[in-house]
Amino acid sequence: MTTDTGADGAAPAQAGPAKGATAAFAYVTTLFFAWGFATSLIDPLIAAAKRVFDLTTAEAFLTASAWFIAYGVVSLPAASVLAKLGYSRSIIGALIVMVLGCLIVPAATAADWYPGVLIALFVIASGVTLLQVAANPLVAELGSRKSSHFRLNFSQAFNSLGTTVGPWLGSHVLLTGGVFAAGAVVTAATRQESLRSIDFAFLGMGAFFALVAAFIFSARKAINASAPKTVGKAVSPLKALSSPWAVFGALAIFFYVGSEVSIGGMMTLFLESPDGLNVSIETAGKMVAWYWGGAMVGRFAGSFLMRFIPASAMLVFCTVAAGLMCLLVTQVNGPTAAYAALSIGLFNSIMFPTIFTLTLERSTAPTSATSGLLVFGIIGGAFLPWIAGKVADAAGSVSPAFIVPLLGYVALTVFAIACFRTRPTNTEAAGTVSGH
């Protein structure tokens, strides 16, 4: 075993919570906000790309696919990078990669090349993956194991704050002017104006990531002092395939992320349509913040309620409620359907971190391998949204596509009931979790 001393030669990391862990936890929380903000920007980008590049719904959803496929491709190499560089250097390196990805966007739009935008999103998401792999063990160690469910859901609330701010600001920049101006038609001039809006959004985000990197660099000694030990060689997530619970949990993450991202990506187009609220696309895009804001409120509330209610019981309730809301969207139109769709964010709130910890408590595989396989499961966000887009194109309407996340929540309910009916066997392992 080797310890992470960081680039600056800070004190060796400690295995458990150290003095200054509270301050280090605050620094890590800013990372949750940063990748939440970046991820949620995809939602207005889908609507923007669809009109600016003249895409089908399924083609527009490739923005989500390009983003989330990075989790499957980069998660294992990211674990190796963490083992070699340690926590602070890995985090700073991840943020630099995210900045570079943002700089690719103007080059892609200058060439009027949609695949270039997809490449940029993959690069940014690769940095986010490394960021999450580095942040996971820090979150696990910066507090007691006993309070892991509370602490992790509390951290995720700040991730949700980022996902709430992202679509509101993104819609203000991406879905105004140009081809989205009132009465505007798609011409070379209006397309160029909208392309420049995309540039502005990503250059601004790149500047934000650069500021966060500078902030983490200034705090690297406090982070290194509280960081857990790292090993010289990463454990392959494939080792977790020996545990049925690890595989079950990875499938649950696959369906959860796929369902959540599908709904977030469809929301702008759905609220804009006559089946939803029939509002302007900018208004619809800004209202997506309500979806992610519900998750933020739910995570704060959930972190409190889990002091009194078993996490598995809460997961059963939330998966059933989310599935019922999806079913309602497919059966009715207008405000009822719109607000049912927006309310799903509230029920999504505690799912991701709770699935993570419930799986870690039951898996018989090494904790690091199980965590790696669970992170790999995030790749569900690359596939289910594309399928939902194909359904929407075939139906000529967005609302029928909610059948895709509905089926995802059915699978999640099965997982939640199974967790409720079994006892944890590895309670010391719970505590490693990420956001998306």
Protein backbone atom coordinates (compact mmCIF):
# COMPACT_ATOMS: atom_id res chain seq x y z
CA MET A 1 0.00 0.00 0.00
CA THR A 2 1.20 3.52 -0.78
CA THR A 3 -0.06 6.80 0.52
CA ASP A 4 -0.95 9.89 -1.47
CA THR A 5 1.39 12.71 -0.57
CA GLY A 6 0.35 14.81 -3.58
CA ALA A 7 2.47 16.95 -5.82
CA ASP A 8 3.36 19.28 -3.02
CA GLY A 9 4.69 16.65 -0.62
CA ALA A 10 1.87 17.10 1.88
CA ALA A 11 1.57 14.85 4.87
CA PRO A 12 0.76 11.19 4.26
CA ALA A 13 -2.93 10.36 3.99
CA GLN A 14 -4.73 8.75 6.87
CA ALA A 15 -6.99 5.74 6.65
CA GLY A 16 -9.86 7.34 8.52
CA PRO A 17 -11.29 10.77 9.17
CA ALA A 18 -8.49 13.18 9.97
CA LYS A 19 -8.24 16.61 11.50
CA GLY A 20 -9.47 19.06 8.90
CA ALA A 21 -11.77 16.47 7.32
CA THR A 22 -14.70 18.87 7.53
CA ALA A 23 -12.87 21.50 5.48
CA ALA A 24 -11.75 18.86 2.98
CA PHE A 25 -15.32 17.64 2.70
CA ALA A 26 -16.41 21.18 1.81
CA TYR A 27 -13.81 21.29 -0.97
CA VAL A 28 -15.00 17.94 -2.36
CA THR A 29 -18.60 19.19 -2.26
CA THR A 30 -17.68 21.89 -4.82
CA LEU A 31 -16.74 19.07 -7.20
CA PHE A 32 -20.18 17.50 -6.84
CA PHE A 33 -21.67 20.86 -7.80
CA ALA A 34 -19.29 21.22 -10.77
CA TRP A 35 -20.05 17.90 -12.44
CA GLY A 36 -23.76 18.26 -11.71
CA PHE A 37 -23.74 21.61 -13.50
CA ALA A 38 -21.87 20.17 -16.48
CA THR A 39 -24.07 17.10 -16.80
CA SER A 40 -27.37 19.00 -16.68
CA LEU A 41 -26.25 21.36 -19.44
CA ILE A 42 -26.92 18.45 -21.81
CA ASP A 43 -30.68 18.93 -21.35
CA PRO A 44 -30.99 22.33 -23.08
CA LEU A 45 -28.19 21.33 -25.47
CA ILE A 46 -30.37 18.50 -26.82
CA ALA A 47 -33.12 20.96 -27.76
CA ALA A 48 -30.57 23.45 -29.16
CA ALA A 49 -28.71 20.87 -31.25
CA LYS A 50 -31.95 19.42 -32.62
CA ARG A 51 -32.96 22.72 -34.20
CA VAL A 52 -29.56 24.24 -35.01
CA PHE A 53 -28.17 21.10 -36.69
CA ASP A 54 -31.60 19.95 -38.03
CA LEU A 55 -31.56 16.57 -36.25
CA THR A 56 -34.11 13.92 -35.40
CA THR A 57 -34.89 13.43 -31.71
CA ALA A 58 -32.78 10.28 -31.61
CA GLU A 59 -29.84 12.07 -33.26
CA ALA A 60 -30.12 14.95 -30.79
CA PHE A 61 -30.05 12.45 -27.91
CA LEU A 62 -26.60 11.33 -29.09
CA THR A 63 -25.33 14.24 -26.99
CA ALA A 64 -26.33 12.22 -23.91
CA SER A 65 -24.85 9.06 -25.45
CA ALA A 66 -21.50 10.77 -26.11
CA TRP A 67 -21.45 11.99 -22.53
CA PHE A 68 -22.37 8.83 -20.65
CA ILE A 69 -20.47 6.34 -22.76
CA ALA A 70 -17.34 7.94 -21.31
CA TYR A 71 -18.14 6.27 -18.00
CA GLY A 72 -17.80 2.83 -19.55
CA VAL A 73 -14.68 3.69 -21.51
CA VAL A 74 -12.78 5.78 -18.97
CA SER A 75 -13.74 4.41 -15.54
CA LEU A 76 -11.02 1.72 -15.33
CA PRO A 77 -8.18 3.87 -16.77
CA ALA A 78 -9.32 6.61 -14.38
CA ALA A 79 -8.90 4.25 -11.45
CA SER A 80 -5.35 3.52 -12.59
CA VAL A 81 -4.61 7.24 -12.87
CA LEU A 82 -5.88 7.74 -9.33
CA ALA A 83 -3.67 4.94 -8.04
CA LYS A 84 -0.59 6.55 -9.64
CA LEU A 85 -1.23 10.25 -9.06
CA GLY A 86 -3.23 10.34 -5.85
CA TYR A 87 -6.31 12.39 -5.10
CA SER A 88 -5.46 16.07 -5.44
CA ARG A 89 -3.44 15.69 -8.63
CA SER A 90 -6.09 13.42 -10.17
CA ILE A 91 -8.83 15.93 -9.37
CA ILE A 92 -6.89 18.85 -10.82
CA GLY A 93 -5.99 16.78 -13.89
CA ALA A 94 -9.66 15.88 -14.39
CA LEU A 95 -10.66 19.54 -14.30
CA ILE A 96 -7.97 20.42 -16.86
CA VAL A 97 -9.33 17.72 -19.20
CA MET A 98 -12.81 19.22 -18.78
CA VAL A 99 -11.48 22.66 -19.74
CA LEU A 100 -9.82 21.22 -22.85
CA GLY A 101 -13.10 19.56 -23.84
CA CYS A 102 -14.89 22.88 -23.59
CA LEU A 103 -12.31 24.43 -25.93
CA ILE A 104 -13.08 21.79 -28.59
CA VAL A 105 -16.67 23.05 -28.94
CA PRO A 106 -15.85 26.36 -30.72
CA ALA A 107 -13.69 24.46 -33.22
CA ALA A 108 -16.55 22.05 -33.92
CA THR A 109 -19.16 24.79 -34.35
CA ALA A 110 -16.82 26.83 -36.56
CA ALA A 111 -16.70 23.82 -38.87
CA ASP A 112 -20.49 23.36 -38.47
CA TRP A 113 -19.73 19.74 -37.51
CA TYR A 114 -22.11 18.10 -35.04
CA PRO A 115 -19.85 15.02 -34.50
CA GLY A 116 -17.20 17.45 -33.24
CA VAL A 117 -19.58 18.59 -30.52
CA LEU A 118 -20.08 14.94 -29.57
CA ILE A 119 -16.31 14.46 -29.36
CA ALA A 120 -16.06 17.50 -27.09
CA LEU A 121 -18.78 16.12 -24.82
CA PHE A 122 -16.95 12.78 -24.60
CA VAL A 123 -13.74 14.57 -23.57
CA ILE A 124 -15.51 16.65 -20.91
CA ALA A 125 -17.29 13.56 -19.57
CA SER A 126 -13.97 11.70 -19.45
CA GLY A 127 -12.72 14.38 -17.07
CA VAL A 128 -15.93 14.11 -15.06
CA THR A 129 -15.41 10.34 -14.78
CA LEU A 130 -11.90 10.80 -13.39
CA LEU A 131 -13.26 13.49 -11.09
CA GLN A 132 -15.85 11.10 -9.70
CA VAL A 133 -13.47 8.16 -9.34
CA ALA A 134 -11.12 10.43 -7.36
CA ALA A 135 -13.90 11.94 -5.25
CA ASN A 136 -15.53 8.63 -4.28
CA PRO A 137 -12.98 7.45 -1.69
CA LEU A 138 -12.72 10.96 -0.27
CA VAL A 139 -16.45 11.06 0.40
CA ALA A 140 -16.20 7.60 1.96
CA GLU A 141 -13.50 8.64 4.42
CA LEU A 142 -14.50 12.17 5.37
CA GLY A 143 -16.89 11.07 8.10
CA SER A 144 -17.98 8.01 10.06
CA ARG A 145 -19.20 4.84 8.33
CA LYS A 146 -22.30 4.89 10.50
CA SER A 147 -23.50 8.14 8.94
CA SER A 148 -22.67 7.20 5.33
CA HIS A 149 -26.26 7.24 4.01
CA PHE A 150 -26.87 10.66 5.60
CA ARG A 151 -23.56 12.16 4.48
CA LEU A 152 -23.67 10.85 0.93
CA ASN A 153 -27.20 12.02 0.30
CA PHE A 154 -26.27 15.41 1.77
CA SER A 155 -23.32 15.64 -0.66
CA GLN A 156 -25.56 14.64 -3.54
CA ALA A 157 -27.85 17.55 -2.66
CA PHE A 158 -25.09 19.91 -3.81
CA ASN A 159 -24.69 17.87 -6.97
CA SER A 160 -28.42 18.51 -7.46
CA LEU A 161 -27.86 22.22 -6.88
CA GLY A 162 -25.50 22.15 -9.86
CA THR A 163 -28.04 20.22 -11.95
CA THR A 164 -30.68 22.80 -11.02
CA VAL A 165 -28.60 25.85 -11.94
CA GLY A 166 -27.23 24.25 -15.14
CA PRO A 167 -30.42 23.96 -17.23
CA TRP A 168 -31.70 27.38 -16.12
CA LEU A 169 -28.53 29.20 -17.16
CA GLY A 170 -28.04 26.91 -20.15
CA SER A 171 -31.54 27.59 -21.49
CA HIS A 172 -31.01 31.33 -21.09
CA VAL A 173 -27.92 31.11 -23.30
CA LEU A 174 -28.65 28.21 -25.67
CA LEU A 175 -32.37 28.64 -26.33
CA THR A 176 -32.63 32.38 -26.96
CA GLY A 177 -31.87 34.46 -30.05
CA GLY A 178 -30.83 33.06 -33.39
CA VAL A 179 -33.11 30.27 -34.58
CA PHE A 180 -35.01 30.47 -31.28
CA ALA A 181 -35.98 34.15 -31.51
CA ALA A 182 -39.70 34.86 -31.80
CA GLY A 183 -40.76 34.52 -35.42
CA ALA A 184 -37.23 33.55 -36.51
CA VAL A 185 -36.65 31.24 -39.45
CA VAL A 186 -33.62 29.02 -39.89
CA THR A 187 -31.16 30.90 -42.08
CA ALA A 188 -27.38 30.97 -42.28
CA ALA A 189 -27.34 34.10 -40.12
CA THR A 190 -29.66 32.77 -37.39
CA ARG A 191 -27.80 29.46 -37.30
CA GLN A 192 -24.49 31.27 -36.85
CA GLU A 193 -25.95 33.27 -33.99
CA SER A 194 -27.14 30.10 -32.27
CA LEU A 195 -23.81 28.37 -32.87
CA ARG A 196 -22.05 31.29 -31.19
CA SER A 197 -24.41 30.86 -28.23
CA ILE A 198 -23.25 27.25 -27.92
CA ASP A 199 -19.64 28.48 -27.99
CA PHE A 200 -20.36 31.04 -25.29
CA ALA A 201 -22.02 28.44 -23.04
CA PHE A 202 -19.09 26.02 -23.19
CA LEU A 203 -16.37 28.65 -22.97
CA GLY A 204 -18.10 30.00 -19.88
CA MET A 205 -18.27 26.51 -18.43
CA GLY A 206 -14.60 26.00 -19.21
CA ALA A 207 -13.74 29.17 -17.32
CA PHE A 208 -15.78 27.90 -14.37
CA PHE A 209 -13.88 24.60 -14.35
CA ALA A 210 -10.59 26.49 -14.46
CA LEU A 211 -11.64 28.48 -11.38
CA VAL A 212 -12.60 25.28 -9.55
CA ALA A 213 -9.21 23.77 -10.47
CA ALA A 214 -7.45 26.81 -9.00
CA PHE A 215 -9.57 26.51 -5.86
CA ILE A 216 -8.73 22.81 -5.44
CA PHE A 217 -5.05 23.53 -6.07
CA SER A 218 -5.06 26.09 -3.26
CA ALA A 219 -6.73 23.52 -0.97
CA ARG A 220 -4.62 20.52 -1.97
CA LYS A 221 -2.78 20.24 1.37
CA ALA A 222 -6.01 19.98 3.34
CA ILE A 223 -7.35 17.40 0.88
CA ASN A 224 -4.17 15.31 0.96
CA ALA A 225 -4.07 15.40 4.76
CA SER A 226 -7.54 13.87 5.00
CA ALA A 227 -7.43 11.58 1.98
CA PRO A 228 -7.58 7.79 2.39
CA LYS A 229 -4.75 5.58 1.25
CA THR A 230 -4.40 4.66 -2.41
CA VAL A 231 -3.04 1.42 -3.79
CA GLY A 232 -0.37 1.10 -6.44
CA LYS A 233 -2.59 -0.97 -8.75
CA ALA A 234 -6.25 -0.47 -9.47
CA VAL A 235 -8.61 -3.39 -8.86
CA SER A 236 -10.53 -4.33 -11.99
CA PRO A 237 -14.33 -3.96 -11.81
CA LEU A 238 -14.45 -7.38 -13.52
CA LYS A 239 -13.64 -8.94 -10.13
CA ALA A 240 -17.06 -7.78 -8.98
CA LEU A 241 -18.75 -10.07 -11.50
CA SER A 242 -18.27 -12.88 -8.97
CA SER A 243 -20.87 -11.23 -6.71
CA PRO A 244 -24.53 -11.43 -7.82
CA TRP A 245 -25.33 -8.37 -5.72
CA ALA A 246 -22.61 -6.32 -7.41
CA VAL A 247 -24.01 -7.24 -10.83
CA PHE A 248 -27.58 -6.57 -9.63
CA GLY A 249 -26.52 -3.16 -8.31
CA ALA A 250 -24.72 -2.26 -11.55
CA LEU A 251 -27.87 -3.09 -13.52
CA ALA A 252 -29.87 -0.93 -11.12
CA ILE A 253 -27.48 1.98 -11.71
CA PHE A 254 -27.77 1.36 -15.47
CA PHE A 255 -31.57 1.66 -15.38
CA TYR A 256 -31.60 4.53 -12.90
CA VAL A 257 -29.18 6.78 -14.78
CA GLY A 258 -30.73 5.85 -18.12
CA SER A 259 -34.21 6.71 -16.83
CA GLU A 260 -33.19 9.95 -15.14
CA VAL A 261 -31.23 11.19 -18.15
CA SER A 262 -34.00 10.19 -20.57
CA ILE A 263 -36.53 12.26 -18.63
CA GLY A 264 -34.21 15.25 -18.27
CA GLY A 265 -33.37 15.17 -21.97
CA MET A 266 -37.01 14.87 -23.07
CA MET A 267 -38.33 17.46 -20.65
CA THR A 268 -37.68 20.61 -22.70
CA LEU A 269 -39.19 19.14 -25.86
CA PHE A 270 -42.13 17.71 -23.88
CA LEU A 271 -42.99 20.92 -22.01
CA GLU A 272 -42.74 22.92 -25.25
CA SER A 273 -45.19 20.59 -27.03
CA PRO A 274 -49.01 20.74 -26.97
CA ASP A 275 -48.94 17.49 -24.95
CA GLY A 276 -47.15 19.42 -22.20
CA LEU A 277 -47.56 23.12 -21.46
CA ASN A 278 -47.24 24.46 -25.03
CA VAL A 279 -44.79 27.19 -23.91
CA SER A 280 -41.77 28.73 -25.63
CA ILE A 281 -38.69 26.56 -25.83
CA GLU A 282 -36.72 28.94 -23.59
CA THR A 283 -39.42 28.78 -20.90
CA ALA A 284 -39.59 25.01 -21.25
CA GLY A 285 -35.82 24.73 -20.92
CA LYS A 286 -35.75 26.85 -17.79
CA MET A 287 -38.54 24.77 -16.25
CA VAL A 288 -36.27 21.72 -16.43
CA ALA A 289 -34.60 23.30 -13.39
CA TRP A 290 -37.74 22.30 -11.46
CA TYR A 291 -37.06 18.65 -12.32
CA TRP A 292 -33.50 18.83 -11.02
CA GLY A 293 -34.52 21.14 -8.20
CA GLY A 294 -36.92 18.47 -6.98
CA ALA A 295 -33.97 16.10 -6.74
CA MET A 296 -32.06 18.70 -4.72
CA VAL A 297 -34.92 19.17 -2.24
CA GLY A 298 -35.46 15.41 -2.05
CA ARG A 299 -31.82 14.75 -1.24
CA PHE A 300 -31.80 17.23 1.62
CA ALA A 301 -35.06 15.77 2.92
CA GLY A 302 -33.90 12.22 2.28
CA SER A 303 -30.66 12.70 4.19
CA PHE A 304 -32.81 13.66 7.18
CA LEU A 305 -35.48 10.96 6.79
CA MET A 306 -32.88 8.19 6.50
CA ARG A 307 -32.06 8.77 10.14
CA PHE A 308 -35.45 7.21 10.93
CA ILE A 309 -36.53 5.18 7.87
CA PRO A 310 -34.55 2.26 6.37
CA ALA A 311 -32.87 3.26 3.12
CA SER A 312 -34.29 0.22 1.31
CA ALA A 313 -37.86 1.13 2.33
CA MET A 314 -37.41 4.67 1.03
CA LEU A 315 -36.02 3.29 -2.22
CA VAL A 316 -39.10 1.08 -2.71
CA PHE A 317 -41.42 4.06 -2.21
CA CYS A 318 -39.49 6.35 -4.55
CA THR A 319 -39.14 3.85 -7.42
CA VAL A 320 -42.85 3.02 -7.33
CA ALA A 321 -43.84 6.71 -7.21
CA ALA A 322 -41.53 7.62 -10.12
CA GLY A 323 -42.90 4.77 -12.21
CA LEU A 324 -46.48 5.87 -11.54
CA MET A 325 -45.66 9.43 -12.63
CA CYS A 326 -44.18 8.12 -15.90
CA LEU A 327 -47.32 6.06 -16.47
CA LEU A 328 -49.46 9.15 -15.87
CA VAL A 329 -47.48 11.15 -18.46
CA THR A 330 -48.20 8.50 -21.11
CA GLN A 331 -51.94 8.56 -20.36
CA VAL A 332 -52.86 12.26 -20.00
CA ASN A 333 -51.90 15.60 -21.55
CA GLY A 334 -51.57 19.21 -20.49
CA PRO A 335 -50.57 20.59 -17.09
CA THR A 336 -51.32 17.32 -15.28
CA ALA A 337 -48.84 15.43 -17.44
CA ALA A 338 -46.30 18.27 -17.30
CA TYR A 339 -46.22 18.55 -13.53
CA ALA A 340 -46.25 14.78 -13.13
CA ALA A 341 -43.11 14.66 -15.29
CA LEU A 342 -41.43 17.46 -13.34
CA SER A 343 -42.24 15.77 -10.00
CA ILE A 344 -40.23 12.68 -10.94
CA GLY A 345 -37.08 14.56 -9.96
CA LEU A 346 -38.25 14.57 -6.34
CA PHE A 347 -38.57 10.78 -6.32
CA ASN A 348 -35.27 10.31 -8.17
CA SER A 349 -33.50 12.23 -5.42
CA ILE A 350 -32.24 9.49 -3.11
CA MET A 351 -31.96 6.68 -5.68
CA PHE A 352 -28.38 6.94 -6.94
CA PRO A 353 -26.47 7.15 -3.64
CA THR A 354 -28.87 4.70 -1.96
CA ILE A 355 -28.45 2.07 -4.70
CA PHE A 356 -24.69 2.52 -4.32
CA THR A 357 -24.58 2.02 -0.57
CA LEU A 358 -27.17 -0.79 -0.49
CA THR A 359 -25.13 -2.68 -3.08
CA LEU A 360 -21.83 -2.16 -1.27
CA GLU A 361 -23.44 -3.46 1.93
CA ARG A 362 -24.44 -6.72 0.21
CA SER A 363 -21.66 -7.38 -2.29
CA THR A 364 -19.16 -10.15 -1.55
CA ALA A 365 -16.61 -8.72 -4.02
CA PRO A 366 -13.85 -6.27 -3.03
CA THR A 367 -15.31 -2.85 -2.29
CA SER A 368 -13.17 -1.08 -4.89
CA ALA A 369 -14.15 -3.59 -7.58
CA THR A 370 -17.84 -3.30 -6.69
CA SER A 371 -17.63 0.49 -6.76
CA GLY A 372 -15.91 0.36 -10.14
CA LEU A 373 -18.63 -1.89 -11.59
CA LEU A 374 -21.31 0.43 -10.22
CA VAL A 375 -19.62 3.43 -11.86
CA PHE A 376 -19.54 1.45 -15.10
CA GLY A 377 -23.32 1.06 -14.80
CA ILE A 378 -23.68 4.81 -15.38
CA ILE A 379 -23.27 3.96 -19.06
CA GLY A 380 -27.03 3.41 -19.02
CA GLY A 381 -27.26 7.13 -19.66
CA ALA A 382 -25.77 6.48 -23.11
CA PHE A 383 -28.39 4.00 -24.26
CA LEU A 384 -31.83 4.55 -22.72
CA PRO A 385 -32.11 8.21 -23.86
CA TRP A 386 -31.32 7.19 -27.45
CA ILE A 387 -34.00 4.48 -27.25
CA ALA A 388 -36.45 7.05 -25.86
CA GLY A 389 -35.57 9.33 -28.78
CA LYS A 390 -36.32 6.55 -31.27
CA VAL A 391 -39.69 5.96 -29.60
CA ALA A 392 -40.49 9.68 -29.76
CA ASP A 393 -39.55 9.83 -33.46
CA ALA A 394 -41.68 6.77 -34.24
CA ALA A 395 -44.67 8.10 -32.29
CA GLY A 396 -44.34 11.66 -33.55
CA SER A 397 -44.67 12.84 -29.94
CA VAL A 398 -42.48 12.91 -26.84
CA SER A 399 -44.98 11.70 -24.22
CA PRO A 400 -45.12 8.04 -25.41
CA ALA A 401 -41.34 7.87 -24.94
CA PHE A 402 -41.85 8.04 -21.16
CA ILE A 403 -42.55 4.30 -21.42
CA VAL A 404 -38.75 3.83 -21.53
CA PRO A 405 -38.04 5.31 -18.05
CA LEU A 406 -41.25 3.64 -16.80
CA LEU A 407 -39.76 0.22 -17.58
CA GLY A 408 -36.53 1.36 -15.93
CA TYR A 409 -38.36 2.17 -12.69
CA VAL A 410 -40.08 -1.22 -12.76
CA ALA A 411 -36.62 -2.84 -12.79
CA LEU A 412 -35.50 -0.54 -9.98
CA THR A 413 -38.52 -1.49 -7.87
CA VAL A 414 -37.51 -5.15 -8.16
CA PHE A 415 -34.02 -4.24 -6.94
CA ALA A 416 -35.40 -2.13 -4.06
CA ILE A 417 -37.73 -4.90 -2.85
CA ALA A 418 -34.86 -7.41 -2.98
CA CYS A 419 -32.74 -5.07 -0.84
CA PHE A 420 -35.60 -4.58 1.63
CA ARG A 421 -35.94 -8.36 2.05
CA THR A 422 -32.23 -9.07 2.63
CA ARG A 423 -29.87 -8.05 5.39
CA PRO A 424 -26.56 -6.27 4.77
CA THR A 425 -23.52 -8.52 4.95
CA ASN A 426 -20.76 -5.94 4.47
CA THR A 427 -21.76 -2.83 6.40
CA GLU A 428 -18.15 -1.65 6.69
CA ALA A 429 -17.96 -1.32 2.90
CA ALA A 430 -20.80 1.15 2.47
CA GLY A 431 -19.57 4.65 1.90
CA THR A 432 -18.12 4.90 -1.59
CA VAL A 433 -20.44 6.73 -3.92
CA SER A 434 -20.40 9.09 -6.84
CA GLY A 435 -22.67 11.50 -8.62
CA HIS A 436 -23.35 11.80 -12.33
